[in-house]
Amino acid sequence: MRKSERQRMIKQLMNEHDIQKQEDFVALLEAADVNVTQATISRDIKDMQLIKVPSPSGGYRYSLPAQQTVDTEKKLKRVLYDAYVSMAVQDYFIVLKALPGNGTAIATLIDQMEFADTFGTIGGDDTVLIIAKTPAAAQDLYQTLTNLLER
């Protein structure tokens, strides 16, 4: 498994579990048939700049630094401002049109924002397909993206 794929899984695991130790990452990844050592996890934690924050269940858990989310939102806002053409929502889907060459970047930034009700994105050259978990979630995400377009 490539480093980027493993780190994407680590982010997903942090969203789904309160991970308090590096060994927890190793066990959860092994349960998903990803063989990894504690040393590799340690390097990933450093590379991803993970921090420990208080856990609702007591103790501390791993988390992404808060600044990263703010930076991602700023980047998304800037790219949308510079490249946005149009957007439409229907049922579970949002189709966002952008200037050529920007679709993949916008899709990646939307993925990095980790919107709770987003099922996934597909980014092409000038189009992004955003799939929400429910039609109501699609409407909410449409409004969120519309708000990001405002300066």
N, C-alpha and C. Protein backbone atom coordinates (compact mmCIF):
# COMPACT_ATOMS: atom_id res chain seq x y z
N MET A 1 0.85 -1.18 0.00
CA MET A 1 0.00 0.00 0.00
C MET A 1 0.89 1.24 0.00
N ARG A 2 0.49 2.22 -0.80
CA ARG A 2 1.25 3.45 -0.89
C ARG A 2 1.03 4.31 0.34
N LYS A 3 2.01 5.16 0.61
CA LYS A 3 1.98 6.04 1.77
C LYS A 3 0.72 6.92 1.78
N SER A 4 0.38 7.50 0.63
CA SER A 4 -0.79 8.40 0.57
C SER A 4 -2.08 7.64 0.89
N GLU A 5 -2.21 6.41 0.41
CA GLU A 5 -3.40 5.61 0.69
C GLU A 5 -3.47 5.26 2.17
N ARG A 6 -2.31 4.90 2.74
CA ARG A 6 -2.27 4.55 4.16
C ARG A 6 -2.63 5.77 5.02
N GLN A 7 -2.11 6.93 4.66
CA GLN A 7 -2.41 8.14 5.43
C GLN A 7 -3.87 8.54 5.28
N ARG A 8 -4.46 8.29 4.13
CA ARG A 8 -5.89 8.55 3.95
C ARG A 8 -6.69 7.63 4.87
N MET A 9 -6.25 6.37 4.98
CA MET A 9 -6.93 5.43 5.89
C MET A 9 -6.76 5.87 7.35
N ILE A 10 -5.60 6.39 7.69
CA ILE A 10 -5.36 6.87 9.06
C ILE A 10 -6.33 8.01 9.38
N LYS A 11 -6.52 8.93 8.44
CA LYS A 11 -7.48 10.03 8.66
C LYS A 11 -8.88 9.47 8.87
N GLN A 12 -9.25 8.50 8.05
CA GLN A 12 -10.58 7.90 8.16
C GLN A 12 -10.73 7.21 9.51
N LEU A 13 -9.71 6.49 9.94
CA LEU A 13 -9.77 5.80 11.23
C LEU A 13 -9.92 6.80 12.39
N MET A 14 -9.24 7.95 12.29
CA MET A 14 -9.36 8.95 13.34
C MET A 14 -10.78 9.52 13.41
N ASN A 15 -11.46 9.59 12.26
CA ASN A 15 -12.85 10.06 12.25
C ASN A 15 -13.81 9.04 12.85
N GLU A 16 -13.46 7.77 12.76
CA GLU A 16 -14.36 6.71 13.19
C GLU A 16 -14.07 6.19 14.60
N HIS A 17 -12.85 6.41 15.11
CA HIS A 17 -12.43 5.83 16.39
C HIS A 17 -11.67 6.87 17.22
N ASP A 18 -11.72 6.70 18.53
CA ASP A 18 -10.83 7.47 19.43
C ASP A 18 -9.53 6.69 19.52
N ILE A 19 -8.53 7.13 18.79
CA ILE A 19 -7.26 6.41 18.75
C ILE A 19 -6.29 7.09 19.72
N GLN A 20 -5.89 6.34 20.75
CA GLN A 20 -5.08 6.91 21.81
C GLN A 20 -3.61 6.53 21.71
N LYS A 21 -3.30 5.41 21.05
CA LYS A 21 -1.92 4.94 20.95
C LYS A 21 -1.59 4.55 19.52
N GLN A 22 -0.31 4.56 19.21
CA GLN A 22 0.13 4.13 17.88
C GLN A 22 -0.26 2.68 17.62
N GLU A 23 -0.25 1.88 18.67
CA GLU A 23 -0.62 0.47 18.52
C GLU A 23 -2.08 0.32 18.08
N ASP A 24 -2.93 1.30 18.47
CA ASP A 24 -4.33 1.27 18.03
C ASP A 24 -4.41 1.40 16.51
N PHE A 25 -3.57 2.31 15.95
CA PHE A 25 -3.52 2.44 14.48
C PHE A 25 -3.11 1.12 13.84
N VAL A 26 -2.05 0.51 14.40
CA VAL A 26 -1.54 -0.75 13.85
C VAL A 26 -2.63 -1.81 13.86
N ALA A 27 -3.33 -1.96 14.99
CA ALA A 27 -4.38 -2.99 15.11
C ALA A 27 -5.53 -2.73 14.14
N LEU A 28 -5.98 -1.48 14.05
CA LEU A 28 -7.10 -1.16 13.15
C LEU A 28 -6.72 -1.35 11.69
N LEU A 29 -5.50 -0.97 11.33
CA LEU A 29 -5.05 -1.17 9.95
C LEU A 29 -4.90 -2.65 9.63
N GLU A 30 -4.37 -3.42 10.58
CA GLU A 30 -4.24 -4.86 10.36
C GLU A 30 -5.61 -5.52 10.22
N ALA A 31 -6.61 -5.01 10.94
CA ALA A 31 -7.97 -5.53 10.81
C ALA A 31 -8.52 -5.26 9.41
N ALA A 32 -7.99 -4.23 8.76
CA ALA A 32 -8.39 -3.90 7.38
C ALA A 32 -7.42 -4.50 6.37
N ASP A 33 -6.66 -5.51 6.79
CA ASP A 33 -5.69 -6.22 5.93
C ASP A 33 -4.58 -5.32 5.40
N VAL A 34 -4.15 -4.37 6.23
CA VAL A 34 -3.02 -3.51 5.88
C VAL A 34 -1.92 -3.81 6.89
N ASN A 35 -0.86 -4.46 6.43
CA ASN A 35 0.25 -4.79 7.31
C ASN A 35 1.15 -3.57 7.46
N VAL A 36 1.34 -3.14 8.70
CA VAL A 36 2.11 -1.95 8.98
C VAL A 36 2.78 -2.10 10.34
N THR A 37 3.94 -1.47 10.49
CA THR A 37 4.64 -1.54 11.77
C THR A 37 4.39 -0.26 12.56
N GLN A 38 4.68 -0.34 13.85
CA GLN A 38 4.54 0.84 14.71
C GLN A 38 5.50 1.93 14.26
N ALA A 39 6.67 1.57 13.77
CA ALA A 39 7.64 2.56 13.29
C ALA A 39 7.09 3.33 12.08
N THR A 40 6.40 2.63 11.19
CA THR A 40 5.78 3.29 10.03
C THR A 40 4.70 4.25 10.50
N ILE A 41 3.88 3.82 11.45
CA ILE A 41 2.83 4.69 11.99
C ILE A 41 3.47 5.93 12.63
N SER A 42 4.55 5.73 13.34
CA SER A 42 5.24 6.86 13.97
C SER A 42 5.68 7.88 12.92
N ARG A 43 6.23 7.40 11.82
CA ARG A 43 6.64 8.31 10.73
C ARG A 43 5.43 9.00 10.10
N ASP A 44 4.32 8.26 9.94
CA ASP A 44 3.10 8.86 9.38
C ASP A 44 2.56 9.95 10.31
N ILE A 45 2.59 9.70 11.62
CA ILE A 45 2.10 10.69 12.59
C ILE A 45 2.92 11.97 12.48
N LYS A 46 4.22 11.81 12.37
CA LYS A 46 5.09 12.99 12.24
C LYS A 46 4.82 13.70 10.91
N ASP A 47 4.73 12.94 9.83
CA ASP A 47 4.51 13.51 8.50
C ASP A 47 3.17 14.23 8.40
N MET A 48 2.14 13.67 9.05
CA MET A 48 0.79 14.25 9.00
C MET A 48 0.60 15.34 10.06
N GLN A 49 1.60 15.51 10.92
CA GLN A 49 1.57 16.51 11.99
C GLN A 49 0.38 16.30 12.93
N LEU A 50 0.13 15.03 13.26
CA LEU A 50 -0.98 14.72 14.15
C LEU A 50 -0.66 15.21 15.55
N ILE A 51 -1.72 15.58 16.26
CA ILE A 51 -1.58 16.05 17.64
C ILE A 51 -2.49 15.22 18.53
N LYS A 52 -2.26 15.29 19.84
CA LYS A 52 -3.16 14.63 20.79
C LYS A 52 -4.04 15.68 21.42
N VAL A 53 -5.34 15.38 21.45
CA VAL A 53 -6.33 16.29 22.03
C VAL A 53 -7.16 15.50 23.05
N PRO A 54 -7.78 16.19 24.01
CA PRO A 54 -8.62 15.48 24.99
C PRO A 54 -9.73 14.69 24.29
N SER A 55 -9.94 13.49 24.78
CA SER A 55 -10.96 12.61 24.22
C SER A 55 -12.23 12.70 25.06
N PRO A 56 -13.42 12.65 24.43
CA PRO A 56 -14.67 12.68 25.20
C PRO A 56 -14.77 11.52 26.19
N SER A 57 -14.11 10.41 25.88
CA SER A 57 -14.18 9.23 26.74
C SER A 57 -13.10 9.24 27.82
N GLY A 58 -12.34 10.34 27.89
CA GLY A 58 -11.24 10.42 28.85
C GLY A 58 -9.92 10.12 28.17
N GLY A 59 -8.85 10.63 28.70
CA GLY A 59 -7.54 10.42 28.08
C GLY A 59 -7.36 11.35 26.89
N TYR A 60 -6.47 10.97 26.01
CA TYR A 60 -6.16 11.78 24.82
C TYR A 60 -6.22 10.92 23.58
N ARG A 61 -6.59 11.54 22.47
CA ARG A 61 -6.67 10.83 21.19
C ARG A 61 -5.92 11.62 20.12
N TYR A 62 -5.56 10.93 19.04
CA TYR A 62 -4.89 11.59 17.92
C TYR A 62 -5.90 12.39 17.10
N SER A 63 -5.44 13.52 16.56
CA SER A 63 -6.28 14.39 15.74
C SER A 63 -5.40 15.16 14.77
N LEU A 64 -6.02 15.62 13.68
CA LEU A 64 -5.31 16.53 12.78
C LEU A 64 -5.23 17.90 13.43
N PRO A 65 -4.18 18.65 13.16
CA PRO A 65 -4.13 20.00 13.73
C PRO A 65 -5.26 20.85 13.18
N ALA A 66 -5.85 21.70 14.02
CA ALA A 66 -6.98 22.54 13.62
C ALA A 66 -6.62 23.46 12.47
N GLN A 67 -5.40 23.94 12.45
CA GLN A 67 -4.97 24.89 11.41
C GLN A 67 -5.10 24.29 10.02
N GLN A 68 -4.89 22.99 9.88
CA GLN A 68 -4.97 22.35 8.58
C GLN A 68 -6.36 22.51 7.96
N THR A 69 -7.41 22.38 8.77
CA THR A 69 -8.77 22.54 8.27
C THR A 69 -9.00 23.97 7.80
N VAL A 70 -8.52 24.93 8.57
CA VAL A 70 -8.68 26.34 8.19
C VAL A 70 -7.97 26.62 6.88
N ASP A 71 -6.74 26.11 6.74
CA ASP A 71 -5.99 26.31 5.51
C ASP A 71 -6.70 25.68 4.31
N THR A 72 -7.24 24.48 4.51
CA THR A 72 -7.94 23.80 3.43
C THR A 72 -9.17 24.60 3.02
N GLU A 73 -9.90 25.13 3.99
CA GLU A 73 -11.08 25.93 3.68
C GLU A 73 -10.69 27.19 2.90
N LYS A 74 -9.60 27.83 3.30
CA LYS A 74 -9.12 29.02 2.57
C LYS A 74 -8.74 28.66 1.14
N LYS A 75 -8.06 27.55 0.97
CA LYS A 75 -7.67 27.11 -0.37
C LYS A 75 -8.90 26.83 -1.22
N LEU A 76 -9.87 26.11 -0.65
CA LEU A 76 -11.09 25.79 -1.38
C LEU A 76 -11.82 27.07 -1.77
N LYS A 77 -11.92 27.99 -0.84
CA LYS A 77 -12.60 29.26 -1.11
C LYS A 77 -11.90 30.01 -2.25
N ARG A 78 -10.57 30.05 -2.22
CA ARG A 78 -9.81 30.75 -3.25
C ARG A 78 -9.97 30.08 -4.63
N VAL A 79 -9.88 28.74 -4.66
CA VAL A 79 -10.03 28.03 -5.93
C VAL A 79 -11.44 28.21 -6.48
N LEU A 80 -12.44 28.11 -5.61
CA LEU A 80 -13.81 28.33 -6.08
C LEU A 80 -13.99 29.75 -6.61
N TYR A 81 -13.44 30.72 -5.93
CA TYR A 81 -13.56 32.11 -6.37
C TYR A 81 -12.91 32.30 -7.74
N ASP A 82 -11.75 31.67 -7.94
CA ASP A 82 -11.00 31.84 -9.19
C ASP A 82 -11.53 31.00 -10.34
N ALA A 83 -12.10 29.82 -10.05
CA ALA A 83 -12.40 28.87 -11.13
C ALA A 83 -13.86 28.48 -11.27
N TYR A 84 -14.72 28.91 -10.36
CA TYR A 84 -16.14 28.51 -10.38
C TYR A 84 -16.84 28.99 -11.64
N VAL A 85 -17.65 28.10 -12.24
CA VAL A 85 -18.48 28.46 -13.39
C VAL A 85 -19.96 28.32 -13.01
N SER A 86 -20.36 27.14 -12.51
CA SER A 86 -21.75 26.92 -12.12
C SER A 86 -21.85 25.72 -11.21
N MET A 87 -23.05 25.58 -10.61
CA MET A 87 -23.28 24.45 -9.72
C MET A 87 -24.77 24.12 -9.72
N ALA A 88 -25.08 22.83 -9.68
CA ALA A 88 -26.47 22.39 -9.63
C ALA A 88 -26.57 21.21 -8.68
N VAL A 89 -27.73 21.08 -8.05
CA VAL A 89 -27.97 19.98 -7.12
C VAL A 89 -29.22 19.23 -7.54
N GLN A 90 -29.16 17.89 -7.44
CA GLN A 90 -30.32 17.05 -7.72
C GLN A 90 -30.18 15.78 -6.90
N ASP A 91 -31.18 15.49 -6.11
CA ASP A 91 -31.19 14.30 -5.25
C ASP A 91 -29.91 14.25 -4.41
N TYR A 92 -29.12 13.21 -4.59
CA TYR A 92 -27.90 13.00 -3.83
C TYR A 92 -26.69 13.69 -4.44
N PHE A 93 -26.85 14.32 -5.58
CA PHE A 93 -25.71 14.77 -6.38
C PHE A 93 -25.60 16.29 -6.49
N ILE A 94 -24.36 16.75 -6.49
CA ILE A 94 -24.05 18.14 -6.82
C ILE A 94 -23.04 18.09 -7.95
N VAL A 95 -23.33 18.82 -9.02
CA VAL A 95 -22.38 18.93 -10.13
C VAL A 95 -21.86 20.35 -10.13
N LEU A 96 -20.55 20.46 -9.98
CA LEU A 96 -19.89 21.76 -9.95
C LEU A 96 -19.04 21.88 -11.20
N LYS A 97 -19.29 22.92 -11.98
CA LYS A 97 -18.50 23.20 -13.18
C LYS A 97 -17.45 24.25 -12.84
N ALA A 98 -16.25 24.06 -13.37
CA ALA A 98 -15.14 24.98 -13.11
C ALA A 98 -14.37 25.22 -14.41
N LEU A 99 -13.47 26.16 -14.35
CA LEU A 99 -12.61 26.40 -15.51
C LEU A 99 -11.74 25.17 -15.74
N PRO A 100 -11.39 24.88 -17.00
CA PRO A 100 -10.59 23.69 -17.31
C PRO A 100 -9.32 23.62 -16.45
N GLY A 101 -9.03 22.39 -15.99
CA GLY A 101 -7.84 22.15 -15.20
C GLY A 101 -8.03 22.28 -13.70
N ASN A 102 -9.22 22.63 -13.25
CA ASN A 102 -9.46 22.87 -11.82
C ASN A 102 -10.32 21.82 -11.13
N GLY A 103 -10.97 20.96 -11.88
CA GLY A 103 -11.90 19.99 -11.29
C GLY A 103 -11.25 19.06 -10.28
N THR A 104 -10.09 18.51 -10.62
CA THR A 104 -9.42 17.58 -9.71
C THR A 104 -9.00 18.27 -8.42
N ALA A 105 -8.48 19.48 -8.53
CA ALA A 105 -8.05 20.22 -7.33
C ALA A 105 -9.24 20.51 -6.42
N ILE A 106 -10.35 20.92 -7.00
CA ILE A 106 -11.54 21.22 -6.19
C ILE A 106 -12.05 19.94 -5.51
N ALA A 107 -12.09 18.84 -6.24
CA ALA A 107 -12.54 17.57 -5.65
C ALA A 107 -11.63 17.16 -4.49
N THR A 108 -10.33 17.31 -4.67
CA THR A 108 -9.38 16.96 -3.61
C THR A 108 -9.58 17.83 -2.38
N LEU A 109 -9.78 19.12 -2.57
CA LEU A 109 -10.00 20.02 -1.44
C LEU A 109 -11.31 19.70 -0.72
N ILE A 110 -12.35 19.36 -1.47
CA ILE A 110 -13.62 18.98 -0.85
C ILE A 110 -13.42 17.71 -0.02
N ASP A 111 -12.66 16.75 -0.55
CA ASP A 111 -12.35 15.53 0.21
C ASP A 111 -11.59 15.87 1.49
N GLN A 112 -10.63 16.77 1.39
CA GLN A 112 -9.82 17.15 2.56
C GLN A 112 -10.65 17.87 3.62
N MET A 113 -11.71 18.54 3.21
CA MET A 113 -12.58 19.21 4.17
C MET A 113 -13.34 18.20 5.03
N GLU A 114 -13.47 16.97 4.56
CA GLU A 114 -14.13 15.89 5.28
C GLU A 114 -15.52 16.27 5.77
N PHE A 115 -16.33 16.82 4.87
CA PHE A 115 -17.71 17.14 5.20
C PHE A 115 -18.40 15.84 5.64
N ALA A 116 -19.09 15.88 6.76
CA ALA A 116 -19.65 14.68 7.38
C ALA A 116 -20.62 13.92 6.47
N ASP A 117 -21.43 14.64 5.71
CA ASP A 117 -22.46 13.98 4.91
C ASP A 117 -22.07 13.76 3.45
N THR A 118 -20.78 13.87 3.15
CA THR A 118 -20.31 13.61 1.79
C THR A 118 -19.93 12.15 1.66
N PHE A 119 -20.51 11.47 0.69
CA PHE A 119 -20.18 10.08 0.43
C PHE A 119 -18.88 9.99 -0.36
N GLY A 120 -18.69 10.91 -1.33
CA GLY A 120 -17.48 10.91 -2.13
C GLY A 120 -17.53 11.96 -3.22
N THR A 121 -16.39 12.15 -3.88
CA THR A 121 -16.30 13.09 -5.00
C THR A 121 -15.57 12.44 -6.16
N ILE A 122 -15.89 12.91 -7.34
CA ILE A 122 -15.17 12.51 -8.55
C ILE A 122 -14.80 13.79 -9.27
N GLY A 123 -13.51 13.99 -9.49
CA GLY A 123 -13.06 15.21 -10.13
C GLY A 123 -12.52 14.94 -11.52
N GLY A 124 -13.07 15.63 -12.50
CA GLY A 124 -12.55 15.58 -13.86
C GLY A 124 -11.80 16.87 -14.16
N ASP A 125 -11.55 17.13 -15.42
CA ASP A 125 -10.80 18.32 -15.80
C ASP A 125 -11.51 19.61 -15.40
N ASP A 126 -12.82 19.68 -15.71
CA ASP A 126 -13.55 20.92 -15.42
C ASP A 126 -14.87 20.67 -14.69
N THR A 127 -15.05 19.46 -14.18
CA THR A 127 -16.31 19.11 -13.52
C THR A 127 -16.03 18.31 -12.26
N VAL A 128 -16.80 18.57 -11.21
CA VAL A 128 -16.72 17.80 -9.98
C VAL A 128 -18.11 17.24 -9.69
N LEU A 129 -18.18 15.93 -9.47
CA LEU A 129 -19.41 15.29 -9.04
C LEU A 129 -19.26 15.00 -7.56
N ILE A 130 -20.14 15.58 -6.75
CA ILE A 130 -20.13 15.37 -5.31
C ILE A 130 -21.36 14.53 -4.97
N ILE A 131 -21.14 13.43 -4.30
CA ILE A 131 -22.22 12.53 -3.93
C ILE A 131 -22.43 12.63 -2.43
N ALA A 132 -23.64 13.01 -2.04
CA ALA A 132 -23.98 13.15 -0.62
C ALA A 132 -24.65 11.87 -0.12
N LYS A 133 -24.72 11.73 1.20
CA LYS A 133 -25.32 10.54 1.78
C LYS A 133 -26.84 10.58 1.74
N THR A 134 -27.42 11.78 1.70
CA THR A 134 -28.87 11.93 1.61
C THR A 134 -29.18 13.14 0.73
N PRO A 135 -30.38 13.22 0.17
CA PRO A 135 -30.75 14.43 -0.58
C PRO A 135 -30.69 15.70 0.27
N ALA A 136 -31.09 15.61 1.53
CA ALA A 136 -31.01 16.79 2.42
C ALA A 136 -29.56 17.22 2.62
N ALA A 137 -28.67 16.24 2.75
CA ALA A 137 -27.24 16.55 2.91
C ALA A 137 -26.70 17.22 1.65
N ALA A 138 -27.20 16.81 0.49
CA ALA A 138 -26.77 17.46 -0.76
C ALA A 138 -27.18 18.92 -0.77
N GLN A 139 -28.38 19.20 -0.32
CA GLN A 139 -28.85 20.59 -0.24
C GLN A 139 -27.98 21.40 0.73
N ASP A 140 -27.67 20.81 1.89
CA ASP A 140 -26.83 21.50 2.88
C ASP A 140 -25.43 21.78 2.32
N LEU A 141 -24.85 20.78 1.66
CA LEU A 141 -23.51 20.97 1.10
C LEU A 141 -23.53 22.00 -0.03
N TYR A 142 -24.58 21.97 -0.82
CA TYR A 142 -24.75 22.98 -1.88
C TYR A 142 -24.73 24.38 -1.26
N GLN A 143 -25.45 24.55 -0.16
CA GLN A 143 -25.49 25.85 0.51
C GLN A 143 -24.12 26.22 1.10
N THR A 144 -23.44 25.24 1.66
CA THR A 144 -22.10 25.48 2.22
C THR A 144 -21.15 25.95 1.12
N LEU A 145 -21.17 25.27 -0.02
CA LEU A 145 -20.29 25.67 -1.12
C LEU A 145 -20.69 27.04 -1.67
N THR A 146 -21.97 27.31 -1.73
CA THR A 146 -22.44 28.63 -2.18
C THR A 146 -21.93 29.71 -1.23
N ASN A 147 -21.96 29.43 0.07
CA ASN A 147 -21.45 30.41 1.06
C ASN A 147 -19.95 30.64 0.89
N LEU A 148 -19.22 29.61 0.50
CA LEU A 148 -17.77 29.76 0.29
C LEU A 148 -17.47 30.66 -0.91
N LEU A 149 -18.42 30.77 -1.83
CA LEU A 149 -18.23 31.60 -3.02
C LEU A 149 -18.32 33.10 -2.69
N GLU A 150 -18.93 33.41 -1.59
CA GLU A 150 -19.11 34.82 -1.21
C GLU A 150 -17.81 35.34 -0.61
N ARG A 151 -17.44 36.53 -0.99
CA ARG A 151 -16.19 37.12 -0.47
C ARG A 151 -16.44 37.84 0.79
